[in-house]
C-alpha atoms as a PDB file:
ATOM      1  CA  MET A   1       5.502   6.990   1.813  1.00  0.00           C
ATOM      2  CA  ILE A   2       4.030   4.640   4.342  1.00  0.00           C
ATOM      3  CA  GLU A   3       4.924   5.319   7.968  1.00  0.00           C
ATOM      4  CA  ILE A   4       4.626   2.333  10.369  1.00  0.00           C
ATOM      5  CA  TYR A   5       4.698   2.992  14.125  1.00  0.00           C
ATOM      6  CA  ASP A   6       5.679   0.661  16.971  1.00  0.00           C
ATOM      7  CA  THR A   7       1.925   1.058  18.213  1.00  0.00           C
ATOM      8  CA  ASP A   8       0.398   0.013  14.947  1.00  0.00           C
ATOM      9  CA  LEU A   9      -1.523  -3.122  15.065  1.00  0.00           C
ATOM     10  CA  PRO A  10      -0.889  -5.828  12.366  1.00  0.00           C
ATOM     11  CA  ILE A  11      -4.236  -4.943  10.635  1.00  0.00           C
ATOM     12  CA  THR A  12      -3.176  -1.301  10.674  1.00  0.00           C
ATOM     13  CA  VAL A  13       0.061  -2.032   8.890  1.00  0.00           C
ATOM     14  CA  ALA A  14      -1.709  -4.095   6.330  1.00  0.00           C
ATOM     15  CA  ASP A  15      -4.221  -1.435   5.784  1.00  0.00           C
ATOM     16  CA  LYS A  16      -1.372   0.999   5.275  1.00  0.00           C
ATOM     17  CA  ILE A  17       0.176  -1.241   2.604  1.00  0.00           C
ATOM     18  CA  ILE A  18      -3.129  -1.856   0.832  1.00  0.00           C
ATOM     19  CA  SER A  19      -4.275   1.705   0.758  1.00  0.00           C
ATOM     20  CA  GLY A  20      -0.986   3.504   0.508  1.00  0.00           C
ATOM     21  CA  THR A  21      -0.536   6.090  -2.268  1.00  0.00           C
ATOM     22  CA  LYS A  22       2.491   7.758  -3.869  1.00  0.00           C
ATOM     23  CA  PRO A  23       2.644  11.098  -5.582  1.00  0.00           C
ATOM     24  CA  TYR A  24       1.761  11.194  -9.310  1.00  0.00           C
ATOM     25  CA  VAL A  25       2.718  14.014 -11.849  1.00  0.00           C
ATOM     26  CA  ALA A  26      -0.580  14.239 -13.654  1.00  0.00           C
ATOM     27  CA  THR A  27      -0.739  15.728 -17.086  1.00  0.00           C
ATOM     28  CA  PRO A  28      -3.052  18.739 -17.784  1.00  0.00           C
ATOM     29  CA  LEU A  29      -5.419  16.235 -19.431  1.00  0.00           C
ATOM     30  CA  THR A  30      -5.409  13.822 -16.659  1.00  0.00           C
ATOM     31  CA  ARG A  31      -6.039  16.711 -14.220  1.00  0.00           C
ATOM     32  CA  ALA A  32      -9.009  17.986 -16.356  1.00  0.00           C
ATOM     33  CA  ILE A  33     -10.525  14.483 -16.540  1.00  0.00           C
ATOM     34  CA  ALA A  34     -10.211  13.867 -12.820  1.00  0.00           C
ATOM     35  CA  LYS A  35     -11.665  17.242 -12.115  1.00  0.00           C
ATOM     36  CA  ALA A  36     -14.605  16.595 -14.340  1.00  0.00           C
ATOM     37  CA  ILE A  37     -15.290  13.206 -12.750  1.00  0.00           C
ATOM     38  CA  THR A  38     -14.594  14.004  -9.189  1.00  0.00           C
ATOM     39  CA  GLY A  39     -14.923  17.832  -8.912  1.00  0.00           C
ATOM     40  CA  SER A  40     -11.462  17.863  -7.164  1.00  0.00           C
ATOM     41  CA  GLU A  41      -8.408  19.802  -8.410  1.00  0.00           C
ATOM     42  CA  THR A  42      -6.000  17.253  -6.607  1.00  0.00           C
ATOM     43  CA  ALA A  43      -7.825  14.024  -7.470  1.00  0.00           C
ATOM     44  CA  ALA A  44      -4.996  12.951 -10.009  1.00  0.00           C
ATOM     45  CA  GLU A  45      -2.089  13.925  -7.833  1.00  0.00           C
ATOM     46  CA  SER A  46      -1.639  10.511  -6.225  1.00  0.00           C
ATOM     47  CA  THR A  47      -1.823   6.800  -7.224  1.00  0.00           C
ATOM     48  CA  ASP A  48      -1.884   3.488  -5.453  1.00  0.00           C
ATOM     49  CA  MET A  49       1.452   2.557  -4.171  1.00  0.00           C
ATOM     50  CA  PHE A  50       1.127  -1.077  -4.931  1.00  0.00           C
ATOM     51  CA  ASP A  51      -1.146  -2.960  -7.442  1.00  0.00           C
ATOM     52  CA  ILE A  52      -2.929  -6.083  -6.569  1.00  0.00           C
ATOM     53  CA  ASP A  53      -0.139  -8.301  -7.902  1.00  0.00           C
ATOM     54  CA  GLU A  54       2.491  -6.469  -5.941  1.00  0.00           C
ATOM     55  CA  ILE A  55       0.293  -6.906  -2.780  1.00  0.00           C
ATOM     56  CA  LYS A  56       0.020 -10.484  -3.418  1.00  0.00           C
ATOM     57  CA  GLU A  57       3.868 -10.721  -3.720  1.00  0.00           C
ATOM     58  CA  ILE A  58       4.286  -9.023  -0.407  1.00  0.00           C
ATOM     59  CA  ALA A  59       1.935 -11.554   1.168  1.00  0.00           C
ATOM     60  CA  ASP A  60       3.823 -14.352  -0.308  1.00  0.00           C
ATOM     61  CA  TYR A  61       7.073 -12.970   1.173  1.00  0.00           C
ATOM     62  CA  LEU A  62       5.500 -12.471   4.485  1.00  0.00           C
ATOM     63  CA  MET A  63       4.256 -16.109   4.348  1.00  0.00           C
ATOM     64  CA  VAL A  64       7.658 -17.399   3.584  1.00  0.00           C
ATOM     65  CA  TYR A  65       9.116 -15.504   6.434  1.00  0.00           C
ATOM     66  CA  TYR A  66       6.505 -16.831   8.810  1.00  0.00           C
ATOM     67  CA  GLU A  67       6.776 -20.490   7.574  1.00  0.00           C
ATOM     68  CA  SER A  68      10.572 -20.366   8.070  1.00  0.00           C
ATOM     69  CA  HIS A  69      10.361 -18.804  11.529  1.00  0.00           C
ATOM     70  CA  LYS A  70       7.376 -20.432  13.379  1.00  0.00           C
ATOM     71  CA  GLU A  71       9.398 -23.641  13.936  1.00  0.00           C
ATOM     72  CA  GLY A  72      12.153 -21.662  15.715  1.00  0.00           C
ATOM     73  CA  GLU A  73       9.665 -19.982  18.142  1.00  0.00           C
ATOM     74  CA  ALA A  74       7.850 -23.371  18.960  1.00  0.00           C
ATOM     75  CA  ASN A  75      11.231 -24.727  20.353  1.00  0.00           C
ATOM     76  CA  GLU A  76      12.035 -21.686  22.590  1.00  0.00           C
END
């Protein structure tokens, strides 16, 4: 779960979205492979929250929001 705070800078929020992870239920084989590669027992217990296509989709939604609201702020 990503937690965003009032004090987070926009770049911090973007980093949280980009690098966010979610729990992953690893199989015994996946755990063994991850441990062999990384040496960590917990290496296979999380996965990226968003893949690159989903991050692009989020960026597109944010740009649509920005484009539809920037005109309103200029007139205030």
